[in-house]
Amino acid sequence: MLEKLRCSWTNTLLSLFTGMVVAYFFIELVPKVSKNCLRSRFDHSGHPKDRRCLLIVGKPVDESTVTIVRDVLNNSNFKYCRFIAGCGFESYDIEKLENELCKTVSSKYEDGTVDVMDIPISLTCLSPTLFLIPHLQDIPILIENNYQNYVSKISATLNNIFDHLNVRHDIYSIGPLSEAVSHHFSKIQKSVNSDLSRVNVILIDRIIDMYAVTDFASSCLLDKMSMLLNRFPKTCSDIAVTTEPLIKDSKYKEVNDQLEVPMCLAPTLKPTPVVEWLLTKNEKNVLANIRTVLTEKCSGPVRKTISRITPQLFETILSDEKFNNKENIDLKQQVLCICAALKSSNLSKIELAQNIGKLLLQNISLESDIDILTQVGQLFKTRKDRKLSLEILLCILIQLYSVVEEDFQISDEHQINLENMLGEAFYDDLKYLPEYIIKDFIGVNSITPLACQQAAENFIFILNQIKSSRQNFVQYRKLFVKENTYAPASYSSFVKQLMDDVCSPMRPNLPVLKTKSDGLTDFIKIGFNKIINTVNKHPLDCDHLIVFIIGGISGHEVHSICEATKNCGIRVSIGSTRMLSPYEALHSLFKRM
């Protein structure tokens, strides 16, 4: 349903531009599909000869947006303006906005017109199952207070999507931010026809399970690629690799003059199944599928060769001229991205971080807080010998505090020792720290031992916030499973446990899911359930279920949700604000309000 909507919105936009010579303006971030279609230019004024303009807004329309639009119209000679709201309206509606902009244009031209359209272009679909909302990608994971800065934007976006889907809906929330969004959404939602199909949404705060996005041992190849390769600029999901030119032009004699293409996973010409494989299959199966596809397109000795699957094998196959044509160039680009990740020099560091994380997980259920923190302290002392960056160690600490429940006590004395150790590490490794830790976390111009100690204190506060994020839950307080003394402990993600119960035929009671009542009747039914013999609402009482994680999602979680819901009997979509690697999750925790 969401994929069909995305295609129809793209076609609608293209039909609007046909035959028009206009000035194009983009405000905020809009999805890549729109930028591929149009030439972006935004400098607060148009060319003096331009009389038509198209304004595309990639964020919910609010006061600041309208101020920018007024500046554009006042500083230009536009007579005809078409305004497209891509993410709905936060503090304006279509009629009010149209009237205000018409006043601005009519002050110059009596017959000037403004046409405001509400077309949701805020989604980007990575696969038939997974969609992201790019303009929400900068929402921080830890919001101590003042949710309103984010709640209204999230609610307006969801409302815009539901309006265009034209469906009935119930929202179930888990976590304080999700509950605030659900509450705000109930105030702005419009009444719908009761005969329409129903879409239910489960909103989940990211902070409830940070292990899923800081785990270096993910079985999802897309997660591994996000750890090892840089994020493609201004995107919430793609990765980038700059290698030899994919397209070579003979008119350039020097190699340095050749066109360099920063490769990424997004296809430019035609869809491929590679991204879907990266999300739904383990690494071994992904590589096997790719080898099958590549060898089927080849001829000669390479096709007949049976050898171990390696990046070098893929590169050898891709050297065939057949992969330089338009039909295969997207597949070639995506496979070369995978090869770049598997050949990364940082792969050994990631594998070491995996092993450390697994070891700590095993020890959590066996040892006391003294023993665990002693092991962590040893890691900090030997980090340079092991070639472990402070970033990796901070992610490992987040993993530790994520999986335990509030009952796992860590004494004040040991937390103070950990804090002092962190402060010293921040100062000692200052020249190796990434910019975001210095800028967003330590946050001072002159770095001193005192500033680093203050940063360490703030990080301990963040760890305790993560540790207490599930303290009020009756279920799912533990995220690790140890069946008996002979079996190793294993991580079980929050969304996996939740979705297993949601899809259980027994339909167990799920007090963790909070939902807003639709009115007095539902309130009476819930409050006097035993008396009037009714059944409480359930997320699967719908035609389409959307599981949406606010703050980011990992590929491993996408796979877990797909596995848990594959036999639930209804369509299930997965959404989030962005894809997260461990480093990006750490960065998001450090973002300042």
Protein backbone atom coordinates (compact mmCIF):
# COMPACT_ATOMS: atom_id res chain seq x y z
CA MET A 1 0.00 0.00 0.00
CA LEU A 2 2.74 2.47 0.99
CA GLU A 3 4.87 1.57 -2.05
CA LYS A 4 1.92 2.15 -4.39
CA LEU A 5 1.27 5.50 -2.76
CA ARG A 6 4.91 6.52 -3.19
CA CYS A 7 4.79 5.71 -6.91
CA SER A 8 1.49 7.54 -7.37
CA TRP A 9 2.84 10.63 -5.58
CA THR A 10 5.92 10.61 -7.82
CA ASN A 11 3.77 10.35 -10.94
CA THR A 12 1.55 13.17 -9.67
CA LEU A 13 4.58 15.42 -9.18
CA LEU A 14 5.92 14.61 -12.65
CA SER A 15 2.56 15.36 -14.23
CA LEU A 16 2.54 18.78 -12.52
CA PHE A 17 5.91 19.69 -13.98
CA THR A 18 5.17 18.64 -17.56
CA GLY A 19 5.15 21.66 -19.87
CA MET A 20 6.01 24.09 -17.07
CA VAL A 21 8.98 26.43 -17.05
CA VAL A 22 9.23 27.35 -13.40
CA ALA A 23 11.66 28.10 -10.61
CA TYR A 24 12.00 25.14 -8.25
CA PHE A 25 12.53 25.55 -4.54
CA PHE A 26 13.00 22.85 -1.90
CA ILE A 27 12.61 23.70 1.74
CA GLU A 28 14.23 21.22 4.15
CA LEU A 29 14.97 17.65 3.11
CA VAL A 30 12.80 15.86 0.54
CA PRO A 31 13.20 12.22 -0.55
CA LYS A 32 15.73 11.25 -3.19
CA VAL A 33 12.97 10.33 -5.63
CA SER A 34 11.96 13.97 -5.89
CA LYS A 35 15.51 15.27 -6.23
CA ASN A 36 16.20 12.85 -9.05
CA CYS A 37 13.29 14.37 -10.97
CA LEU A 38 14.00 18.04 -10.40
CA ARG A 39 16.72 20.67 -10.37
CA SER A 40 17.01 22.04 -6.84
CA ARG A 41 17.59 25.77 -6.34
CA PHE A 42 16.84 27.68 -3.16
CA ASP A 43 18.33 31.16 -2.65
CA HIS A 44 15.31 33.13 -1.30
CA SER A 45 14.66 34.71 -4.70
CA GLY A 46 13.92 33.71 -8.25
CA HIS A 47 15.25 35.02 -11.55
CA PRO A 48 13.78 38.46 -12.31
CA LYS A 49 12.15 37.09 -15.49
CA ASP A 50 10.51 34.08 -13.82
CA ARG A 51 6.77 34.39 -13.29
CA ARG A 52 5.94 30.87 -12.12
CA CYS A 53 7.30 29.02 -9.11
CA LEU A 54 6.90 25.63 -7.53
CA LEU A 55 7.55 25.40 -3.78
CA ILE A 56 8.03 21.89 -2.36
CA VAL A 57 8.18 21.70 1.44
CA GLY A 58 9.76 18.59 2.93
CA LYS A 59 8.66 19.21 6.54
CA PRO A 60 5.33 19.85 8.26
CA VAL A 61 4.25 23.41 7.49
CA ASP A 62 4.70 25.73 10.48
CA GLU A 63 5.31 29.43 11.15
CA SER A 64 9.00 29.33 10.18
CA THR A 65 8.19 27.63 6.87
CA VAL A 66 5.57 30.23 5.99
CA THR A 67 8.03 33.02 6.85
CA ILE A 68 10.56 31.56 4.41
CA VAL A 69 7.93 31.23 1.69
CA ARG A 70 6.85 34.85 2.16
CA ASP A 71 10.48 35.94 1.80
CA VAL A 72 10.76 34.00 -1.46
CA LEU A 73 7.60 35.59 -2.88
CA ASN A 74 8.44 39.11 -1.69
CA ASN A 75 11.94 38.99 -3.17
CA SER A 76 10.78 37.60 -6.52
CA ASN A 77 8.46 38.51 -9.38
CA PHE A 78 6.35 35.37 -9.27
CA LYS A 79 2.80 35.79 -10.49
CA TYR A 80 1.72 32.16 -10.27
CA CYS A 81 2.74 29.97 -7.34
CA ARG A 82 2.09 26.31 -6.70
CA PHE A 83 2.86 25.21 -3.15
CA ILE A 84 3.18 21.48 -2.33
CA ALA A 85 3.11 20.42 1.32
CA GLY A 86 5.00 17.14 1.42
CA CYS A 87 4.55 16.31 5.12
CA GLY A 88 1.27 17.89 6.14
CA PHE A 89 0.53 20.92 8.30
CA GLU A 90 1.73 21.48 11.84
CA SER A 91 0.16 24.85 12.68
CA TYR A 92 -1.53 25.76 9.38
CA ASP A 93 -4.21 24.30 7.13
CA ILE A 94 -4.62 24.56 3.37
CA GLU A 95 -7.22 27.33 3.36
CA LYS A 96 -5.40 29.54 5.86
CA LEU A 97 -2.06 29.13 4.06
CA GLU A 98 -3.59 29.77 0.65
CA ASN A 99 -5.22 33.00 1.85
CA GLU A 100 -2.00 34.33 3.37
CA LEU A 101 0.12 33.57 0.30
CA CYS A 102 -2.54 35.00 -2.03
CA LYS A 103 -2.28 38.33 -0.16
CA THR A 104 1.46 38.38 -0.76
CA VAL A 105 1.17 37.66 -4.50
CA SER A 106 -1.87 39.91 -5.10
CA SER A 107 0.03 42.87 -3.63
CA LYS A 108 2.10 42.78 -6.83
CA TYR A 109 -0.34 41.32 -9.35
CA GLU A 110 -4.12 41.67 -9.20
CA ASP A 111 -4.60 38.46 -11.17
CA GLY A 112 -1.85 36.51 -9.38
CA THR A 113 -2.75 33.06 -8.04
CA VAL A 114 -1.52 30.63 -5.41
CA ASP A 115 -2.44 26.97 -5.47
CA VAL A 116 -1.68 24.95 -2.28
CA MET A 117 -1.60 21.16 -2.61
CA ASP A 118 -1.16 18.53 0.09
CA ILE A 119 0.79 15.62 -1.45
CA PRO A 120 2.67 13.36 1.02
CA ILE A 121 6.14 12.78 -0.41
CA SER A 122 7.72 12.24 2.98
CA LEU A 123 8.32 8.49 2.72
CA THR A 124 11.23 6.60 1.24
CA CYS A 125 10.70 2.85 0.77
CA LEU A 126 13.81 0.67 1.12
CA SER A 127 11.86 -2.49 0.43
CA PRO A 128 8.23 -3.60 0.08
CA THR A 129 8.21 -4.01 3.87
CA LEU A 130 10.36 -1.15 5.20
CA PHE A 131 9.83 2.60 4.87
CA LEU A 132 11.63 5.56 6.44
CA ILE A 133 10.68 9.21 6.97
CA PRO A 134 13.79 11.29 6.10
CA HIS A 135 12.71 14.63 7.57
CA LEU A 136 12.43 12.98 11.01
CA GLN A 137 15.92 11.46 10.93
CA ASP A 138 17.46 14.02 13.31
CA ILE A 139 15.12 13.29 16.22
CA PRO A 140 17.41 12.50 19.19
CA ILE A 141 17.02 9.20 21.00
CA LEU A 142 17.12 10.64 24.52
CA ILE A 143 14.71 13.52 25.08
CA GLU A 144 14.64 14.49 28.75
CA ASN A 145 11.81 17.00 28.44
CA ASN A 146 10.08 19.36 26.03
CA TYR A 147 8.77 16.65 23.73
CA GLN A 148 6.60 19.21 21.98
CA ASN A 149 9.42 20.22 19.60
CA TYR A 150 9.21 16.75 18.07
CA VAL A 151 5.72 15.52 18.95
CA SER A 152 3.86 17.96 16.69
CA LYS A 153 6.12 17.21 13.71
CA ILE A 154 5.74 13.41 14.09
CA SER A 155 1.99 13.68 14.64
CA ALA A 156 1.49 15.94 11.62
CA THR A 157 3.41 13.51 9.41
CA LEU A 158 1.41 10.48 10.58
CA ASN A 159 -1.83 12.38 10.17
CA ASN A 160 -0.85 13.33 6.62
CA ILE A 161 -0.11 9.70 5.74
CA PHE A 162 -3.41 8.43 7.18
CA ASP A 163 -5.38 11.17 5.41
CA HIS A 164 -4.06 10.02 2.05
CA LEU A 165 -4.44 6.33 2.85
CA ASN A 166 -8.03 7.18 3.85
CA VAL A 167 -8.23 4.54 6.58
CA ARG A 168 -9.43 4.12 10.13
CA HIS A 169 -6.61 3.73 12.64
CA ASP A 170 -5.67 2.99 16.23
CA ILE A 171 -2.29 3.91 17.70
CA TYR A 172 -0.58 1.79 20.36
CA SER A 173 2.42 3.39 22.07
CA ILE A 174 5.41 2.18 24.06
CA GLY A 175 7.57 4.78 25.76
CA PRO A 176 7.05 8.41 26.85
CA LEU A 177 7.73 10.02 23.45
CA SER A 178 5.42 7.59 21.66
CA GLU A 179 2.69 8.17 24.27
CA ALA A 180 3.03 11.93 23.79
CA VAL A 181 2.73 11.50 20.01
CA SER A 182 -0.34 9.30 20.44
CA HIS A 183 -1.96 11.84 22.74
CA HIS A 184 -1.26 14.76 20.39
CA PHE A 185 -2.36 12.76 17.36
CA SER A 186 -5.74 12.05 18.96
CA LYS A 187 -6.34 15.82 19.12
CA ILE A 188 -5.55 16.59 15.46
CA GLN A 189 -6.89 13.49 13.69
CA LYS A 190 -9.96 13.83 11.51
CA SER A 191 -13.06 11.66 11.74
CA VAL A 192 -13.24 8.94 9.09
CA ASN A 193 -15.90 6.69 7.61
CA SER A 194 -16.40 3.63 9.80
CA ASP A 195 -16.72 1.44 6.68
CA LEU A 196 -13.12 2.07 5.65
CA SER A 197 -10.33 -0.45 6.13
CA ARG A 198 -8.34 -0.23 9.36
CA VAL A 199 -4.62 0.37 9.85
CA ASN A 200 -3.18 -0.04 13.35
CA VAL A 201 0.16 1.45 14.37
CA ILE A 202 2.51 0.40 17.16
CA LEU A 203 4.83 3.29 18.08
CA ILE A 204 8.00 2.35 19.99
CA ASP A 205 10.65 4.63 21.55
CA ARG A 206 14.16 3.75 20.44
CA ILE A 207 15.67 4.13 23.92
CA ILE A 208 13.70 1.11 25.18
CA ASP A 209 16.17 -1.23 23.44
CA MET A 210 19.54 0.32 22.61
CA TYR A 211 21.31 -3.04 22.32
CA ALA A 212 19.68 -3.62 18.92
CA VAL A 213 21.42 -0.58 17.40
CA THR A 214 24.76 -0.77 19.23
CA ASP A 215 25.40 -4.49 18.73
CA PHE A 216 28.44 -5.15 16.52
CA ALA A 217 27.47 -8.82 16.15
CA SER A 218 24.43 -8.26 13.94
CA SER A 219 23.62 -11.10 11.55
CA CYS A 220 22.28 -8.53 9.07
CA LEU A 221 24.77 -7.64 6.32
CA LEU A 222 23.24 -4.17 5.89
CA ASP A 223 24.06 -3.43 9.54
CA LYS A 224 27.65 -4.55 8.98
CA MET A 225 27.93 -2.29 5.94
CA SER A 226 26.63 0.66 7.98
CA MET A 227 29.33 0.02 10.59
CA LEU A 228 32.17 -0.26 8.08
CA LEU A 229 31.26 2.33 5.44
CA ASN A 230 30.33 6.00 5.61
CA ARG A 231 26.74 7.17 5.40
CA PHE A 232 25.85 8.75 2.06
CA PRO A 233 25.54 12.51 2.81
CA LYS A 234 22.10 13.80 3.79
CA THR A 235 20.47 10.36 3.70
CA CYS A 236 18.99 8.31 6.52
CA SER A 237 19.71 4.85 5.13
CA ASP A 238 22.25 4.74 2.31
CA ILE A 239 25.99 4.10 2.42
CA ALA A 240 28.67 5.57 0.15
CA VAL A 241 31.88 4.28 -1.41
CA THR A 242 34.17 6.21 -3.71
CA THR A 243 36.29 3.93 -5.89
CA GLU A 244 37.42 3.86 -9.49
CA PRO A 245 34.96 5.46 -11.87
CA LEU A 246 32.07 3.22 -12.84
CA ILE A 247 31.61 5.34 -15.95
CA LYS A 248 34.70 6.09 -18.01
CA ASP A 249 34.79 8.62 -20.82
CA SER A 250 37.50 8.26 -23.44
CA LYS A 251 37.65 12.01 -24.04
CA TYR A 252 39.45 12.36 -20.70
CA LYS A 253 43.04 11.23 -21.17
CA GLU A 254 44.19 11.47 -17.58
CA VAL A 255 42.82 9.03 -15.00
CA ASN A 256 42.53 11.85 -12.46
CA ASP A 257 40.19 13.67 -14.84
CA GLN A 258 37.78 10.76 -15.00
CA LEU A 259 34.36 11.12 -13.46
CA GLU A 260 34.33 9.75 -9.91
CA VAL A 261 31.01 8.26 -8.86
CA PRO A 262 30.35 7.88 -5.12
CA MET A 263 28.71 4.47 -5.23
CA CYS A 264 25.69 3.76 -3.06
CA LEU A 265 23.01 1.11 -2.61
CA ALA A 266 20.16 3.12 -4.12
CA PRO A 267 19.47 2.06 -7.73
CA THR A 268 19.42 4.93 -10.21
CA LEU A 269 17.71 3.21 -13.15
CA LYS A 270 15.76 0.13 -12.10
CA PRO A 271 15.02 -1.66 -8.81
CA THR A 272 17.09 -4.69 -7.82
CA PRO A 273 16.43 -7.26 -5.07
CA VAL A 274 19.78 -6.62 -3.35
CA VAL A 275 18.54 -4.26 -0.60
CA GLU A 276 15.66 -6.62 0.19
CA TRP A 277 18.18 -9.48 0.54
CA LEU A 278 20.37 -7.35 2.82
CA LEU A 279 17.41 -6.81 5.14
CA THR A 280 15.81 -10.26 5.15
CA LYS A 281 18.64 -12.79 4.68
CA ASN A 282 21.80 -13.62 6.59
CA GLU A 283 25.21 -12.83 5.14
CA LYS A 284 25.85 -16.32 3.76
CA ASN A 285 22.54 -16.42 1.87
CA VAL A 286 22.96 -12.87 0.54
CA LEU A 287 26.36 -13.72 -0.94
CA ALA A 288 25.06 -16.99 -2.38
CA ASN A 289 22.13 -15.20 -4.05
CA ILE A 290 24.42 -12.54 -5.50
CA ARG A 291 26.80 -15.17 -6.87
CA THR A 292 23.90 -16.97 -8.56
CA VAL A 293 22.63 -13.77 -10.18
CA LEU A 294 26.08 -12.69 -11.36
CA THR A 295 27.09 -16.03 -12.81
CA GLU A 296 23.79 -16.34 -14.68
CA LYS A 297 24.58 -13.09 -16.45
CA CYS A 298 28.09 -14.27 -17.37
CA SER A 299 29.37 -16.71 -19.92
CA GLY A 300 32.60 -18.62 -20.30
CA PRO A 301 34.92 -20.10 -17.68
CA VAL A 302 33.80 -17.86 -14.79
CA ARG A 303 30.32 -19.35 -14.86
CA LYS A 304 31.65 -22.87 -14.60
CA THR A 305 34.11 -22.14 -11.81
CA ILE A 306 33.08 -23.40 -8.37
CA SER A 307 35.03 -21.62 -5.64
CA ARG A 308 34.59 -20.03 -2.24
CA ILE A 309 32.53 -16.87 -2.31
CA THR A 310 34.79 -13.87 -1.67
CA PRO A 311 34.78 -10.17 -2.56
CA GLN A 312 37.62 -10.89 -4.97
CA LEU A 313 35.45 -13.44 -6.80
CA PHE A 314 32.68 -10.88 -7.22
CA GLU A 315 35.13 -8.27 -8.49
CA THR A 316 36.47 -10.77 -11.02
CA ILE A 317 32.99 -11.53 -12.29
CA LEU A 318 32.07 -7.84 -12.42
CA SER A 319 35.08 -7.10 -14.63
CA ASP A 320 33.06 -8.64 -17.47
CA GLU A 321 32.01 -5.92 -19.94
CA LYS A 322 28.39 -7.07 -19.69
CA PHE A 323 28.13 -5.34 -16.33
CA ASN A 324 28.98 -1.92 -17.76
CA ASN A 325 25.68 -1.51 -19.59
CA LYS A 326 22.63 0.34 -18.25
CA GLU A 327 20.79 -2.87 -17.50
CA ASN A 328 23.38 -4.11 -15.01
CA ILE A 329 25.07 -0.94 -13.72
CA ASP A 330 22.88 -0.69 -10.57
CA LEU A 331 23.55 -4.31 -9.63
CA LYS A 332 27.27 -3.77 -10.19
CA GLN A 333 27.27 -0.68 -8.00
CA GLN A 334 25.48 -2.45 -5.14
CA VAL A 335 27.71 -5.54 -5.24
CA LEU A 336 30.84 -3.37 -5.26
CA CYS A 337 29.52 -1.62 -2.14
CA ILE A 338 29.17 -5.01 -0.45
CA CYS A 339 32.71 -5.95 -1.56
CA ALA A 340 34.08 -2.69 -0.13
CA ALA A 341 32.54 -3.49 3.27
CA LEU A 342 33.82 -7.08 3.34
CA LYS A 343 37.34 -5.87 2.45
CA SER A 344 37.34 -3.01 4.96
CA SER A 345 40.44 -2.61 7.11
CA ASN A 346 38.14 -2.04 10.12
CA LEU A 347 36.59 -5.49 9.86
CA SER A 348 38.95 -6.96 12.48
CA LYS A 349 38.00 -4.22 14.98
CA ILE A 350 34.32 -4.94 14.46
CA GLU A 351 34.90 -8.65 15.00
CA LEU A 352 36.81 -7.94 18.23
CA ALA A 353 33.94 -5.72 19.43
CA GLN A 354 31.51 -8.56 18.61
CA ASN A 355 33.45 -11.01 20.76
CA ILE A 356 33.70 -8.58 23.69
CA GLY A 357 29.97 -7.88 23.55
CA LYS A 358 29.17 -11.61 23.54
CA LEU A 359 31.50 -12.26 26.47
CA LEU A 360 29.92 -9.52 28.61
CA LEU A 361 26.47 -10.83 27.76
CA GLN A 362 27.44 -14.29 29.04
CA ASN A 363 28.86 -12.84 32.24
CA ILE A 364 25.86 -10.65 33.11
CA SER A 365 23.82 -13.58 34.38
CA LEU A 366 26.76 -15.20 36.18
CA GLU A 367 28.68 -12.47 37.89
CA SER A 368 28.11 -9.47 40.13
CA ASP A 369 28.35 -5.83 39.16
CA ILE A 370 31.87 -5.74 40.64
CA ASP A 371 33.12 -8.44 38.28
CA ILE A 372 31.41 -6.93 35.23
CA LEU A 373 32.78 -3.43 35.85
CA THR A 374 36.22 -4.86 36.58
CA GLN A 375 36.17 -6.42 33.11
CA VAL A 376 35.01 -3.11 31.61
CA GLY A 377 37.79 -1.28 33.44
CA GLN A 378 40.34 -3.70 32.02
CA LEU A 379 39.00 -2.99 28.53
CA PHE A 380 39.57 0.74 29.00
CA LYS A 381 43.10 0.18 30.33
CA THR A 382 44.10 -2.06 27.43
CA ARG A 383 42.16 -0.27 24.64
CA LYS A 384 45.25 1.06 22.88
CA ASP A 385 47.00 -2.32 22.91
CA ARG A 386 43.85 -3.95 21.53
CA LYS A 387 43.37 -1.07 19.06
CA LEU A 388 39.87 -0.44 20.37
CA SER A 389 38.53 3.05 19.83
CA LEU A 390 36.73 4.88 22.62
CA GLU A 391 33.64 4.96 20.37
CA ILE A 392 33.48 1.17 20.38
CA LEU A 393 33.90 0.98 24.15
CA LEU A 394 31.12 3.52 24.69
CA CYS A 395 28.83 1.41 22.50
CA ILE A 396 29.75 -1.70 24.53
CA LEU A 397 28.85 0.14 27.76
CA ILE A 398 25.48 1.07 26.22
CA GLN A 399 24.94 -2.61 25.35
CA LEU A 400 25.67 -3.59 28.95
CA TYR A 401 23.23 -1.10 30.43
CA SER A 402 20.60 -1.90 27.77
CA VAL A 403 20.12 -5.59 28.41
CA VAL A 404 19.89 -5.57 32.20
CA GLU A 405 16.79 -4.65 34.12
CA GLU A 406 16.51 -2.12 36.92
CA ASP A 407 16.97 -4.89 39.51
CA PHE A 408 20.58 -5.37 38.41
CA GLN A 409 22.18 -2.99 40.89
CA ILE A 410 25.43 -1.17 40.22
CA SER A 411 26.73 0.48 43.37
CA ASP A 412 27.44 4.23 43.52
CA GLU A 413 31.09 3.50 44.31
CA HIS A 414 31.59 1.48 41.14
CA GLN A 415 29.74 4.04 39.03
CA ILE A 416 32.02 6.78 40.37
CA ASN A 417 35.05 4.68 39.47
CA LEU A 418 33.60 4.16 35.98
CA GLU A 419 32.94 7.89 35.68
CA ASN A 420 36.53 8.77 36.60
CA MET A 421 37.85 6.22 34.16
CA LEU A 422 35.67 7.66 31.38
CA GLY A 423 36.80 11.23 32.11
CA GLU A 424 40.45 10.21 31.85
CA ALA A 425 39.78 8.31 28.62
CA PHE A 426 38.02 11.30 27.02
CA TYR A 427 41.00 13.53 27.79
CA ASP A 428 43.72 11.01 26.87
CA ASP A 429 42.09 10.11 23.52
CA LEU A 430 41.12 13.66 22.62
CA LYS A 431 42.95 13.73 19.29
CA TYR A 432 41.33 10.43 18.24
CA LEU A 433 37.76 11.34 19.16
CA PRO A 434 35.28 11.94 16.30
CA GLU A 435 34.07 15.49 15.88
CA TYR A 436 30.54 14.83 17.15
CA ILE A 437 31.80 13.71 20.59
CA ILE A 438 33.84 16.89 20.98
CA LYS A 439 31.24 19.22 19.49
CA ASP A 440 27.92 17.73 20.63
CA PHE A 441 28.92 16.04 23.87
CA ILE A 442 31.92 17.71 25.48
CA GLY A 443 30.77 20.92 23.80
CA VAL A 444 33.41 23.47 24.82
CA ASN A 445 36.03 25.39 22.86
CA SER A 446 38.84 24.72 25.31
CA ILE A 447 38.99 21.02 26.22
CA THR A 448 40.14 20.57 29.82
CA PRO A 449 40.22 17.58 32.20
CA LEU A 450 37.28 19.18 34.04
CA ALA A 451 35.20 19.38 30.82
CA CYS A 452 35.99 15.74 30.05
CA GLN A 453 35.00 14.74 33.57
CA GLN A 454 31.70 16.58 33.16
CA ALA A 455 31.13 14.73 29.88
CA ALA A 456 31.79 11.43 31.68
CA GLU A 457 29.23 12.36 34.33
CA ASN A 458 26.69 13.11 31.60
CA PHE A 459 27.40 9.78 29.95
CA ILE A 460 26.76 7.91 33.21
CA PHE A 461 23.44 9.77 33.41
CA ILE A 462 22.60 8.59 29.87
CA LEU A 463 23.51 5.00 30.80
CA ASN A 464 21.19 5.10 33.82
CA GLN A 465 18.40 6.53 31.68
CA ILE A 466 18.82 3.60 29.29
CA LYS A 467 18.93 1.13 32.18
CA SER A 468 15.70 2.48 33.69
CA SER A 469 13.79 2.82 30.38
CA ARG A 470 11.86 -0.41 31.02
CA GLN A 471 11.57 -0.22 34.81
CA ASN A 472 7.78 0.32 34.71
CA PHE A 473 7.16 -2.58 32.34
CA VAL A 474 5.55 -5.75 33.62
CA GLN A 475 6.93 -7.68 30.62
CA TYR A 476 10.14 -7.58 28.58
CA ARG A 477 12.32 -6.12 31.31
CA LYS A 478 15.13 -8.51 30.40
CA LEU A 479 16.57 -8.56 26.90
CA PHE A 480 18.74 -11.61 27.36
CA VAL A 481 17.65 -15.21 27.67
CA LYS A 482 19.43 -17.96 29.59
CA GLU A 483 17.42 -21.17 29.60
CA ASN A 484 19.69 -23.14 31.95
CA THR A 485 23.17 -23.15 33.46
CA TYR A 486 24.57 -25.13 30.54
CA ALA A 487 23.18 -22.97 27.74
CA PRO A 488 24.85 -19.66 26.82
CA ALA A 489 22.90 -16.46 27.30
CA SER A 490 21.52 -14.94 24.12
CA TYR A 491 20.11 -11.52 23.26
CA SER A 492 16.39 -11.34 22.49
CA SER A 493 15.36 -7.96 21.12
CA PHE A 494 12.45 -6.06 22.59
CA VAL A 495 10.57 -5.94 19.28
CA LYS A 496 11.02 -9.69 18.77
CA GLN A 497 9.57 -10.50 22.20
CA LEU A 498 6.75 -8.01 21.70
CA MET A 499 5.81 -9.14 18.18
CA ASP A 500 5.97 -12.82 19.16
CA ASP A 501 3.29 -12.09 21.78
CA VAL A 502 1.29 -9.81 19.49
CA CYS A 503 1.12 -12.57 16.87
CA SER A 504 0.54 -15.39 19.35
CA PRO A 505 -2.74 -17.29 18.72
CA MET A 506 -3.34 -17.14 22.48
CA ARG A 507 -3.54 -13.33 22.34
CA PRO A 508 -1.96 -12.73 25.77
CA ASN A 509 -2.65 -9.52 27.64
CA LEU A 510 -0.16 -6.79 26.62
CA PRO A 511 -0.16 -4.05 29.28
CA VAL A 512 2.98 -2.56 27.73
CA LEU A 513 0.85 -1.28 24.82
CA LYS A 514 -0.86 2.01 25.64
CA THR A 515 -3.74 3.18 23.45
CA LYS A 516 -5.91 6.24 23.40
CA SER A 517 -9.62 5.59 23.87
CA ASP A 518 -11.80 6.55 20.91
CA GLY A 519 -14.47 7.99 23.19
CA LEU A 520 -16.70 7.46 26.17
CA THR A 521 -18.10 4.17 24.85
CA ASP A 522 -14.65 2.58 24.56
CA PHE A 523 -13.72 3.94 27.98
CA ILE A 524 -16.75 2.24 29.54
CA LYS A 525 -15.99 -1.00 27.68
CA ILE A 526 -12.41 -1.08 28.92
CA GLY A 527 -13.25 -0.06 32.48
CA PHE A 528 -16.12 -2.53 32.87
CA ASN A 529 -14.84 -5.28 30.61
CA LYS A 530 -15.88 -8.12 32.91
CA ILE A 531 -19.36 -6.73 33.47
CA ILE A 532 -20.32 -6.19 29.82
CA ASN A 533 -18.25 -9.16 28.58
CA THR A 534 -16.37 -7.42 25.76
CA VAL A 535 -12.87 -8.00 24.43
CA ASN A 536 -10.15 -5.37 24.64
CA LYS A 537 -8.64 -3.95 21.50
CA HIS A 538 -5.79 -5.85 19.91
CA PRO A 539 -3.18 -4.61 17.38
CA LEU A 540 -4.09 -7.38 14.93
CA ASP A 541 -7.74 -6.30 14.75
CA CYS A 542 -7.07 -4.56 11.45
CA ASP A 543 -6.26 -5.05 7.78
CA HIS A 544 -2.74 -3.62 7.96
CA LEU A 545 -0.34 -3.30 10.91
CA ILE A 546 2.53 -0.77 10.96
CA VAL A 547 5.35 -1.16 13.51
CA PHE A 548 7.11 2.21 13.76
CA ILE A 549 10.23 2.87 15.86
CA ILE A 550 10.87 6.54 16.64
CA GLY A 551 14.60 7.28 16.67
CA GLY A 552 15.96 4.69 14.22
CA ILE A 553 16.01 0.98 13.49
CA SER A 554 18.56 -1.73 12.70
CA GLY A 555 18.40 -4.27 9.90
CA HIS A 556 18.41 -7.07 12.49
CA GLU A 557 15.19 -5.68 14.00
CA VAL A 558 13.56 -5.50 10.57
CA HIS A 559 14.37 -9.18 10.07
CA SER A 560 13.06 -10.08 13.56
CA ILE A 561 9.74 -8.32 12.97
CA CYS A 562 9.34 -9.97 9.55
CA GLU A 563 9.97 -13.41 11.05
CA ALA A 564 7.59 -12.86 13.97
CA THR A 565 4.74 -11.58 11.80
CA LYS A 566 5.04 -13.74 8.67
CA ASN A 567 2.11 -15.96 9.72
CA CYS A 568 -0.07 -13.37 11.46
CA GLY A 569 -2.61 -13.28 8.64
CA ILE A 570 -2.51 -9.56 7.83
CA ARG A 571 -0.16 -7.21 6.02
CA VAL A 572 2.66 -5.84 8.21
CA SER A 573 4.84 -2.83 7.36
CA ILE A 574 7.85 -1.61 9.31
CA GLY A 575 8.71 2.07 9.60
CA SER A 576 11.23 4.28 11.33
CA THR A 577 12.89 7.66 11.16
CA ARG A 578 16.20 6.26 9.88
CA MET A 579 18.59 3.30 9.79
CA LEU A 580 21.12 3.32 12.64
CA SER A 581 24.64 2.00 13.00
CA PRO A 582 26.23 1.74 16.48
CA TYR A 583 28.19 4.96 15.90
CA GLU A 584 25.09 6.83 14.72
CA ALA A 585 23.13 5.58 17.72
CA LEU A 586 25.89 6.93 19.99
CA HIS A 587 25.83 10.24 18.11
CA SER A 588 22.06 10.51 18.47
CA LEU A 589 22.32 9.98 22.24
CA PHE A 590 24.81 12.88 22.41
CA LYS A 591 22.68 15.35 20.45
CA ARG A 592 21.92 18.53 22.29
CA MET A 593 18.39 19.88 22.57
